[in-house]
PDB file of N, CA and C in Angstrom:
ATOM      1  N   UNK A   1       1.076  -1.059   0.070  1.00  0.00           N
ATOM      2  CA  UNK A   1       0.023   0.106  -0.054  1.00  0.00           C
ATOM      3  C   UNK A   1       0.734   1.325  -0.139  1.00  0.00           C
ATOM      4  N   UNK A   2       0.672   2.104  -1.022  1.00  0.00           N
ATOM      5  CA  UNK A   2       1.210   3.518  -1.189  1.00  0.00           C
ATOM      6  C   UNK A   2       0.388   4.601  -0.114  1.00  0.00           C
ATOM      7  N   UNK A   3       1.063   5.790  -0.324  1.00  0.00           N
ATOM      8  CA  UNK A   3       0.513   6.675   0.549  1.00  0.00           C
ATOM      9  C   UNK A   3      -1.119   6.909  -0.094  1.00  0.00           C
ATOM     10  N   UNK A   4      -1.145   7.430  -1.208  1.00  0.00           N
ATOM     11  CA  UNK A   4      -2.246   7.912  -1.847  1.00  0.00           C
ATOM     12  C   UNK A   4      -3.135   6.287  -1.430  1.00  0.00           C
ATOM     13  N   UNK A   5      -2.945   5.290  -1.441  1.00  0.00           N
ATOM     14  CA  UNK A   5      -3.992   4.181  -1.036  1.00  0.00           C
ATOM     15  C   UNK A   5      -4.299   4.622   0.277  1.00  0.00           C
ATOM     16  N   UNK A   6      -3.256   4.661   1.236  1.00  0.00           N
ATOM     17  CA  UNK A   6      -3.346   4.840   2.763  1.00  0.00           C
ATOM     18  C   UNK A   6      -4.574   5.828   2.978  1.00  0.00           C
ATOM     19  N   UNK A   7      -4.424   6.933   2.258  1.00  0.00           N
ATOM     20  CA  UNK A   7      -5.020   8.333   2.646  1.00  0.00           C
ATOM     21  C   UNK A   7      -6.550   7.917   2.211  1.00  0.00           C
ATOM     22  N   UNK A   8      -6.554   7.287   0.512  1.00  0.00           N
ATOM     23  CA  UNK A   8      -8.210   6.692   0.503  1.00  0.00           C
ATOM     24  C   UNK A   8      -8.462   6.067   1.542  1.00  0.00           C
ATOM     25  N   UNK A   9      -8.048   5.172   2.035  1.00  0.00           N
ATOM     26  CA  UNK A   9      -8.605   3.842   3.084  1.00  0.00           C
ATOM     27  C   UNK A   9      -8.858   5.322   4.538  1.00  0.00           C
ATOM     28  N   UNK A  10      -8.253   5.851   4.959  1.00  0.00           N
ATOM     29  CA  UNK A  10      -8.258   6.709   5.745  1.00  0.00           C
ATOM     30  C   UNK A  10     -10.052   7.660   5.604  1.00  0.00           C
ATOM     31  N   UNK A  11      -9.619   8.555   4.131  1.00  0.00           N
ATOM     32  CA  UNK A  11     -10.973   8.834   3.602  1.00  0.00           C
ATOM     33  C   UNK A  11     -11.837   8.278   4.209  1.00  0.00           C
ATOM     34  N   UNK A  12     -12.227   6.749   3.966  1.00  0.00           N
ATOM     35  CA  UNK A  12     -13.622   6.240   3.441  1.00  0.00           C
ATOM     36  C   UNK A  12     -13.766   5.768   4.954  1.00  0.00           C
ATOM     37  N   UNK A  13     -12.668   5.513   5.961  1.00  0.00           N
ATOM     38  CA  UNK A  13     -13.302   5.002   7.468  1.00  0.00           C
ATOM     39  C   UNK A  13     -13.677   5.919   8.161  1.00  0.00           C
ATOM     40  N   UNK A  14     -13.047   7.169   8.041  1.00  0.00           N
ATOM     41  CA  UNK A  14     -12.952   7.953   8.885  1.00  0.00           C
ATOM     42  C   UNK A  14     -13.814   8.993   8.067  1.00  0.00           C
ATOM     43  N   UNK A  15     -14.659   9.207   7.618  1.00  0.00           N
ATOM     44  CA  UNK A  15     -15.940  10.023   6.671  1.00  0.00           C
ATOM     45  C   UNK A  15     -15.173  11.452   6.169  1.00  0.00           C
ATOM     46  N   UNK A  16     -13.877  11.108   5.839  1.00  0.00           N
ATOM     47  CA  UNK A  16     -13.498  12.474   5.499  1.00  0.00           C
ATOM     48  C   UNK A  16     -13.351  12.461   4.106  1.00  0.00           C
ATOM     49  N   UNK A  17     -12.949  13.873   3.345  1.00  0.00           N
ATOM     50  CA  UNK A  17     -12.668  14.165   1.703  1.00  0.00           C
ATOM     51  C   UNK A  17     -11.431  13.439   1.574  1.00  0.00           C
ATOM     52  N   UNK A  18     -10.596  12.371   0.538  1.00  0.00           N
ATOM     53  CA  UNK A  18      -9.581  12.065   0.491  1.00  0.00           C
ATOM     54  C   UNK A  18      -8.427  13.300   0.544  1.00  0.00           C
ATOM     55  N   UNK A  19      -8.780  14.638   0.161  1.00  0.00           N
ATOM     56  CA  UNK A  19      -7.641  15.899   0.404  1.00  0.00           C
ATOM     57  C   UNK A  19      -7.254  15.712   1.540  1.00  0.00           C
ATOM     58  N   UNK A  20      -8.604  16.098   2.542  1.00  0.00           N
ATOM     59  CA  UNK A  20      -8.393  16.184   4.403  1.00  0.00           C
ATOM     60  C   UNK A  20      -7.539  15.027   4.877  1.00  0.00           C
ATOM     61  N   UNK A  21      -8.303  13.828   4.028  1.00  0.00           N
ATOM     62  CA  UNK A  21      -7.430  12.595   4.764  1.00  0.00           C
ATOM     63  C   UNK A  21      -5.616  12.725   4.526  1.00  0.00           C
ATOM     64  N   UNK A  22      -5.556  13.205   3.210  1.00  0.00           N
ATOM     65  CA  UNK A  22      -4.134  13.095   2.784  1.00  0.00           C
ATOM     66  C   UNK A  22      -3.323  13.965   3.590  1.00  0.00           C
ATOM     67  N   UNK A  23      -3.868  15.328   3.931  1.00  0.00           N
ATOM     68  CA  UNK A  23      -3.713  16.178   5.104  1.00  0.00           C
ATOM     69  C   UNK A  23      -3.186  15.921   6.733  1.00  0.00           C
ATOM     70  N   UNK A  24      -4.545  15.250   7.012  1.00  0.00           N
ATOM     71  CA  UNK A  24      -3.950  14.473   8.060  1.00  0.00           C
ATOM     72  C   UNK A  24      -3.078  13.826   7.943  1.00  0.00           C
ATOM     73  N   UNK A  25      -3.118  12.802   6.946  1.00  0.00           N
ATOM     74  CA  UNK A  25      -1.768  11.667   7.127  1.00  0.00           C
ATOM     75  C   UNK A  25      -0.502  12.489   6.916  1.00  0.00           C
ATOM     76  N   UNK A  26       0.029  13.555   5.901  1.00  0.00           N
ATOM     77  CA  UNK A  26       0.841  14.450   6.017  1.00  0.00           C
ATOM     78  C   UNK A  26       0.928  14.805   7.430  1.00  0.00           C
ATOM     79  N   UNK A  27       0.529  15.432   7.991  1.00  0.00           N
ATOM     80  CA  UNK A  27       0.703  16.113   9.469  1.00  0.00           C
ATOM     81  C   UNK A  27       1.572  15.396  10.130  1.00  0.00           C
ATOM     82  N   UNK A  28       0.615  13.716  10.355  1.00  0.00           N
ATOM     83  CA  UNK A  28       1.328  12.478  11.303  1.00  0.00           C
ATOM     84  C   UNK A  28       2.442  12.018  11.117  1.00  0.00           C
ATOM     85  N   UNK A  29       2.631  12.169   9.738  1.00  0.00           N
ATOM     86  CA  UNK A  29       3.713  11.720   9.188  1.00  0.00           C
ATOM     87  C   UNK A  29       5.126  12.704   9.407  1.00  0.00           C
ATOM     88  N   UNK A  30       4.982  14.179   9.114  1.00  0.00           N
ATOM     89  CA  UNK A  30       5.679  15.574   9.705  1.00  0.00           C
ATOM     90  C   UNK A  30       5.803  15.495  10.786  1.00  0.00           C
ATOM     91  N   UNK A  31       5.226  14.718  11.830  1.00  0.00           N
ATOM     92  CA  UNK A  31       5.019  15.487  13.362  1.00  0.00           C
ATOM     93  C   UNK A  31       5.813  13.916  13.521  1.00  0.00           C
ATOM     94  N   UNK A  32       6.085  12.926  13.368  1.00  0.00           N
ATOM     95  CA  UNK A  32       6.861  11.648  13.476  1.00  0.00           C
ATOM     96  C   UNK A  32       8.231  12.322  13.102  1.00  0.00           C
ATOM     97  N   UNK A  33       8.488  12.898  12.109  1.00  0.00           N
ATOM     98  CA  UNK A  33      10.131  13.033  11.228  1.00  0.00           C
ATOM     99  C   UNK A  33      10.057  13.888  11.897  1.00  0.00           C
ATOM    100  N   UNK A  34       9.667  15.385  12.808  1.00  0.00           N
ATOM    101  CA  UNK A  34      10.502  16.035  12.843  1.00  0.00           C
ATOM    102  C   UNK A  34      10.575  15.327  14.492  1.00  0.00           C
ATOM    103  N   UNK A  35      10.143  14.700  15.507  1.00  0.00           N
ATOM    104  CA  UNK A  35      10.041  14.237  16.730  1.00  0.00           C
ATOM    105  C   UNK A  35      11.294  12.944  16.593  1.00  0.00           C
ATOM    106  N   UNK A  36      11.752  12.125  15.803  1.00  0.00           N
ATOM    107  CA  UNK A  36      12.447  11.170  15.366  1.00  0.00           C
ATOM    108  C   UNK A  36      13.759  12.184  15.192  1.00  0.00           C
ATOM    109  N   UNK A  37      13.741  13.319  14.115  1.00  0.00           N
ATOM    110  CA  UNK A  37      14.839  14.140  13.865  1.00  0.00           C
ATOM    111  C   UNK A  37      15.296  15.156  15.394  1.00  0.00           C
ATOM    112  N   UNK A  38      14.703  14.812  16.040  1.00  0.00           N
ATOM    113  CA  UNK A  38      15.154  15.767  17.603  1.00  0.00           C
ATOM    114  C   UNK A  38      15.890  14.491  18.231  1.00  0.00           C
ATOM    115  N   UNK A  39      16.018  13.676  18.026  1.00  0.00           N
ATOM    116  CA  UNK A  39      16.765  12.101  18.758  1.00  0.00           C
ATOM    117  C   UNK A  39      15.932  11.739  19.589  1.00  0.00           C
ATOM    118  N   UNK A  40      13.846  12.095  19.459  1.00  0.00           N
ATOM    119  CA  UNK A  40      13.088  11.340  20.805  1.00  0.00           C
ATOM    120  C   UNK A  40      12.517  10.173  19.967  1.00  0.00           C
ATOM    121  N   UNK A  41      11.808   9.316  20.676  1.00  0.00           N
ATOM    122  CA  UNK A  41      11.333   7.754  20.148  1.00  0.00           C
ATOM    123  C   UNK A  41       9.815   8.789  20.139  1.00  0.00           C
ATOM    124  N   UNK A  42       9.384   7.656  19.427  1.00  0.00           N
ATOM    125  CA  UNK A  42       7.813   7.875  18.910  1.00  0.00           C
ATOM    126  C   UNK A  42       7.315   6.845  19.371  1.00  0.00           C
ATOM    127  N   UNK A  43       6.372   5.993  20.429  1.00  0.00           N
ATOM    128  CA  UNK A  43       5.689   5.137  20.460  1.00  0.00           C
ATOM    129  C   UNK A  43       4.550   5.311  20.693  1.00  0.00           C
ATOM    130  N   UNK A  44       3.379   4.073  19.529  1.00  0.00           N
ATOM    131  CA  UNK A  44       2.156   4.533  18.905  1.00  0.00           C
ATOM    132  C   UNK A  44       1.910   2.942  19.437  1.00  0.00           C
ATOM    133  N   UNK A  45       1.371   3.148  20.996  1.00  0.00           N
ATOM    134  CA  UNK A  45       0.680   1.497  21.847  1.00  0.00           C
ATOM    135  C   UNK A  45       0.264   0.356  20.465  1.00  0.00           C
ATOM    136  N   UNK A  46       0.405  -0.218  20.662  1.00  0.00           N
ATOM    137  CA  UNK A  46      -0.376  -1.303  19.869  1.00  0.00           C
ATOM    138  C   UNK A  46       0.401  -1.685  18.086  1.00  0.00           C
ATOM    139  N   UNK A  47       0.462  -0.769  17.798  1.00  0.00           N
ATOM    140  CA  UNK A  47       1.456  -0.482  16.316  1.00  0.00           C
ATOM    141  C   UNK A  47       2.777  -0.153  16.652  1.00  0.00           C
ATOM    142  N   UNK A  48       3.785   0.315  17.171  1.00  0.00           N
ATOM    143  CA  UNK A  48       4.669  -0.337  17.148  1.00  0.00           C
ATOM    144  C   UNK A  48       5.569   1.420  17.567  1.00  0.00           C
ATOM    145  N   UNK A  49       6.796   1.379  17.797  1.00  0.00           N
ATOM    146  CA  UNK A  49       7.895   2.254  18.006  1.00  0.00           C
ATOM    147  C   UNK A  49       8.897   2.927  17.066  1.00  0.00           C
ATOM    148  N   UNK A  50       9.254   3.964  16.340  1.00  0.00           N
ATOM    149  CA  UNK A  50      10.095   4.554  15.966  1.00  0.00           C
ATOM    150  C   UNK A  50      11.719   4.885  16.678  1.00  0.00           C
ATOM    151  N   UNK A  51      12.675   4.719  16.919  1.00  0.00           N
ATOM    152  CA  UNK A  51      13.522   5.094  17.489  1.00  0.00           C
ATOM    153  C   UNK A  51      15.107   5.727  17.014  1.00  0.00           C
ATOM    154  N   UNK A  52      15.846   6.047  17.357  1.00  0.00           N
ATOM    155  CA  UNK A  52      16.816   6.599  17.134  1.00  0.00           C
ATOM    156  C   UNK A  52      18.220   5.666  17.396  1.00  0.00           C
ATOM    157  N   UNK A  53      18.716   5.115  16.290  1.00  0.00           N
ATOM    158  CA  UNK A  53      20.220   4.226  17.177  1.00  0.00           C
ATOM    159  C   UNK A  53      21.324   4.517  16.390  1.00  0.00           C
ATOM    160  N   UNK A  54      22.242   4.477  17.340  1.00  0.00           N
ATOM    161  CA  UNK A  54      23.483   5.043  16.550  1.00  0.00           C
ATOM    162  C   UNK A  54      24.395   3.673  16.375  1.00  0.00           C
ATOM    163  N   UNK A  55      24.718   3.668  15.194  1.00  0.00           N
ATOM    164  CA  UNK A  55      26.146   3.044  14.638  1.00  0.00           C
ATOM    165  C   UNK A  55      27.108   3.456  14.871  1.00  0.00           C
ATOM    166  N   UNK A  56      28.202   2.584  15.210  1.00  0.00           N
ATOM    167  CA  UNK A  56      29.133   3.515  15.609  1.00  0.00           C
ATOM    168  C   UNK A  56      30.176   3.069  14.235  1.00  0.00           C
ATOM    169  N   UNK A  57      31.172   3.857  14.457  1.00  0.00           N
ATOM    170  CA  UNK A  57      32.298   3.943  13.150  1.00  0.00           C
ATOM    171  C   UNK A  57      32.891   2.878  13.407  1.00  0.00           C
ATOM    172  N   UNK A  58      33.359   2.125  12.181  1.00  0.00           N
ATOM    173  CA  UNK A  58      33.719   0.674  11.288  1.00  0.00           C
ATOM    174  C   UNK A  58      35.057   0.959  10.306  1.00  0.00           C
ATOM    175  N   UNK A  59      35.047  -0.409  10.499  1.00  0.00           N
ATOM    176  CA  UNK A  59      36.332  -0.059   9.231  1.00  0.00           C
ATOM    177  C   UNK A  59      35.970  -1.296   8.042  1.00  0.00           C
ATOM    178  N   UNK A  60      35.428  -0.857   6.810  1.00  0.00           N
ATOM    179  CA  UNK A  60      34.996  -1.711   5.896  1.00  0.00           C
ATOM    180  C   UNK A  60      35.954  -2.080   4.938  1.00  0.00           C
ATOM    181  N   UNK A  61      35.685  -2.090   3.285  1.00  0.00           N
ATOM    182  CA  UNK A  61      36.444  -2.674   2.279  1.00  0.00           C
ATOM    183  C   UNK A  61      35.478  -1.768   1.086  1.00  0.00           C
ATOM    184  N   UNK A  62      36.682  -1.372   0.128  1.00  0.00           N
ATOM    185  CA  UNK A  62      36.303  -0.823  -0.729  1.00  0.00           C
ATOM    186  C   UNK A  62      36.130  -2.024  -2.055  1.00  0.00           C
ATOM    187  N   UNK A  63      34.843  -2.073  -2.819  1.00  0.00           N
ATOM    188  CA  UNK A  63      34.271  -3.584  -3.513  1.00  0.00           C
ATOM    189  C   UNK A  63      35.662  -3.279  -4.316  1.00  0.00           C
ATOM    190  N   UNK A  64      35.744  -2.192  -4.665  1.00  0.00           N
ATOM    191  CA  UNK A  64      36.482  -1.712  -6.613  1.00  0.00           C
ATOM    192  C   UNK A  64      38.186  -2.411  -6.269  1.00  0.00           C
ATOM    193  N   UNK A  65      38.442  -1.977  -5.295  1.00  0.00           N
ATOM    194  CA  UNK A  65      40.002  -2.028  -5.024  1.00  0.00           C
ATOM    195  C   UNK A  65      40.736  -2.819  -3.622  1.00  0.00           C
ATOM    196  N   UNK A  66      39.725  -3.034  -2.689  1.00  0.00           N
ATOM    197  CA  UNK A  66      40.189  -4.002  -1.553  1.00  0.00           C
ATOM    198  C   UNK A  66      40.358  -3.497  -0.665  1.00  0.00           C
ATOM    199  N   UNK A  67      40.752  -2.066  -0.700  1.00  0.00           N
ATOM    200  CA  UNK A  67      41.327  -1.101   0.218  1.00  0.00           C
ATOM    201  C   UNK A  67      40.399  -1.072   1.455  1.00  0.00           C
ATOM    202  N   UNK A  68      41.211  -0.949   2.780  1.00  0.00           N
ATOM    203  CA  UNK A  68      40.143  -1.178   3.403  1.00  0.00           C
ATOM    204  C   UNK A  68      39.806   0.801   4.047  1.00  0.00           C
ATOM    205  N   UNK A  69      38.983   0.866   4.611  1.00  0.00           N
ATOM    206  CA  UNK A  69      38.389   2.208   4.620  1.00  0.00           C
ATOM    207  C   UNK A  69      37.337   2.498   5.645  1.00  0.00           C
ATOM    208  N   UNK A  70      37.627   3.914   6.463  1.00  0.00           N
ATOM    209  CA  UNK A  70      36.851   4.101   8.041  1.00  0.00           C
ATOM    210  C   UNK A  70      35.038   4.633   7.448  1.00  0.00           C
ATOM    211  N   UNK A  71      34.256   4.147   7.566  1.00  0.00           N
ATOM    212  CA  UNK A  71      33.018   3.814   7.574  1.00  0.00           C
ATOM    213  C   UNK A  71      32.315   4.772   9.159  1.00  0.00           C
ATOM    214  N   UNK A  72      32.568   5.986   8.639  1.00  0.00           N
ATOM    215  CA  UNK A  72      32.135   6.977  10.083  1.00  0.00           C
ATOM    216  C   UNK A  72      30.591   6.917  10.519  1.00  0.00           C
ATOM    217  N   UNK A  73      30.574   7.146  11.577  1.00  0.00           N
ATOM    218  CA  UNK A  73      29.767   6.722  12.922  1.00  0.00           C
ATOM    219  C   UNK A  73      28.308   7.106  12.226  1.00  0.00           C
ATOM    220  N   UNK A  74      27.005   6.796  12.113  1.00  0.00           N
ATOM    221  CA  UNK A  74      25.980   7.500  11.815  1.00  0.00           C
ATOM    222  C   UNK A  74      24.623   7.236  13.063  1.00  0.00           C
ATOM    223  N   UNK A  75      23.470   7.695  12.628  1.00  0.00           N
ATOM    224  CA  UNK A  75      22.341   8.016  13.519  1.00  0.00           C
ATOM    225  C   UNK A  75      21.611   7.002  12.115  1.00  0.00           C
ATOM    226  N   UNK A  76      20.585   6.184  12.817  1.00  0.00           N
ATOM    227  CA  UNK A  76      19.873   5.795  11.734  1.00  0.00           C
ATOM    228  C   UNK A  76      18.170   5.819  12.453  1.00  0.00           C
ATOM    229  N   UNK A  77      16.973   5.177  11.543  1.00  0.00           N
ATOM    230  CA  UNK A  77      16.012   5.403  12.397  1.00  0.00           C
ATOM    231  C   UNK A  77      15.652   3.823  12.165  1.00  0.00           C
ATOM    232  N   UNK A  78      14.717   3.256  13.430  1.00  0.00           N
ATOM    233  CA  UNK A  78      14.739   1.902  13.930  1.00  0.00           C
ATOM    234  C   UNK A  78      12.953   1.649  14.071  1.00  0.00           C
ATOM    235  N   UNK A  79      12.421   0.648  13.605  1.00  0.00           N
ATOM    236  CA  UNK A  79      11.131   0.542  14.188  1.00  0.00           C
ATOM    237  C   UNK A  79      11.279  -0.575  14.397  1.00  0.00           C
ATOM    238  N   UNK A  80      10.375  -0.925  15.628  1.00  0.00           N
ATOM    239  CA  UNK A  80      10.073  -1.998  16.605  1.00  0.00           C
ATOM    240  C   UNK A  80       8.570  -1.992  16.379  1.00  0.00           C
ATOM    241  N   UNK A  81       8.123  -3.229  16.318  1.00  0.00           N
ATOM    242  CA  UNK A  81       6.175  -3.495  16.129  1.00  0.00           C
ATOM    243  C   UNK A  81       6.168  -3.846  17.330  1.00  0.00           C
ATOM    244  N   UNK A  82       4.930  -3.145  17.564  1.00  0.00           N
ATOM    245  CA  UNK A  82       4.187  -3.618  18.338  1.00  0.00           C
ATOM    246  C   UNK A  82       3.478  -5.104  18.850  1.00  0.00           C
ATOM    247  N   UNK A  83       2.982  -5.680  19.987  1.00  0.00           N
ATOM    248  CA  UNK A  83       2.341  -6.765  20.156  1.00  0.00           C
ATOM    249  C   UNK A  83       1.510  -6.995  19.267  1.00  0.00           C
ATOM    250  N   UNK A  84       0.434  -5.746  18.809  1.00  0.00           N
ATOM    251  CA  UNK A  84      -0.537  -6.314  18.439  1.00  0.00           C
ATOM    252  C   UNK A  84      -0.174  -6.007  16.736  1.00  0.00           C
ATOM    253  N   UNK A  85       0.455  -5.519  16.257  1.00  0.00           N
ATOM    254  CA  UNK A  85       1.138  -5.405  14.775  1.00  0.00           C
ATOM    255  C   UNK A  85       1.436  -6.996  14.466  1.00  0.00           C
ATOM    256  N   UNK A  86       2.097  -7.348  15.947  1.00  0.00           N
ATOM    257  CA  UNK A  86       2.811  -8.625  15.533  1.00  0.00           C
ATOM    258  C   UNK A  86       2.107  -9.698  15.371  1.00  0.00           C
ATOM    259  N   UNK A  87       0.840  -9.832  16.384  1.00  0.00           N
ATOM    260  CA  UNK A  87      -0.090 -11.087  16.767  1.00  0.00           C
ATOM    261  C   UNK A  87      -1.276 -10.766  15.000  1.00  0.00           C
ATOM    262  N   UNK A  88      -1.547  -9.453  14.569  1.00  0.00           N
ATOM    263  CA  UNK A  88      -2.060  -9.258  13.256  1.00  0.00           C
ATOM    264  C   UNK A  88      -1.150  -9.663  12.103  1.00  0.00           C
ATOM    265  N   UNK A  89       0.064 -10.307  12.408  1.00  0.00           N
ATOM    266  CA  UNK A  89       0.646 -10.230  10.931  1.00  0.00           C
ATOM    267  C   UNK A  89       0.608 -12.282  10.927  1.00  0.00           C
ATOM    268  N   UNK A  90       0.761 -12.914  11.918  1.00  0.00           N
ATOM    269  CA  UNK A  90       1.013 -13.438  12.292  1.00  0.00           C
ATOM    270  C   UNK A  90      -0.044 -14.895  11.755  1.00  0.00           C
TER     271      UNK A  90
END
């Protein structure tokens, strides 16, 4: 399911116009993005949690030359599904 399809499903279930549902979906995604970008976790009980994880610097290998190179430390976003979501997928 893509974003427009999700917005259409929200519109149908919540008795909203597609434009209004798309606007609501954009606001939700913007809030999640903004909160996670500040380093804070977003937890949606039953659905899951978005968290920031830090990756340590490590040594890698250039695939073309085989020479070692240093991969710098970085941050990434992780999603941990909640119990209700896990149960629904089973």
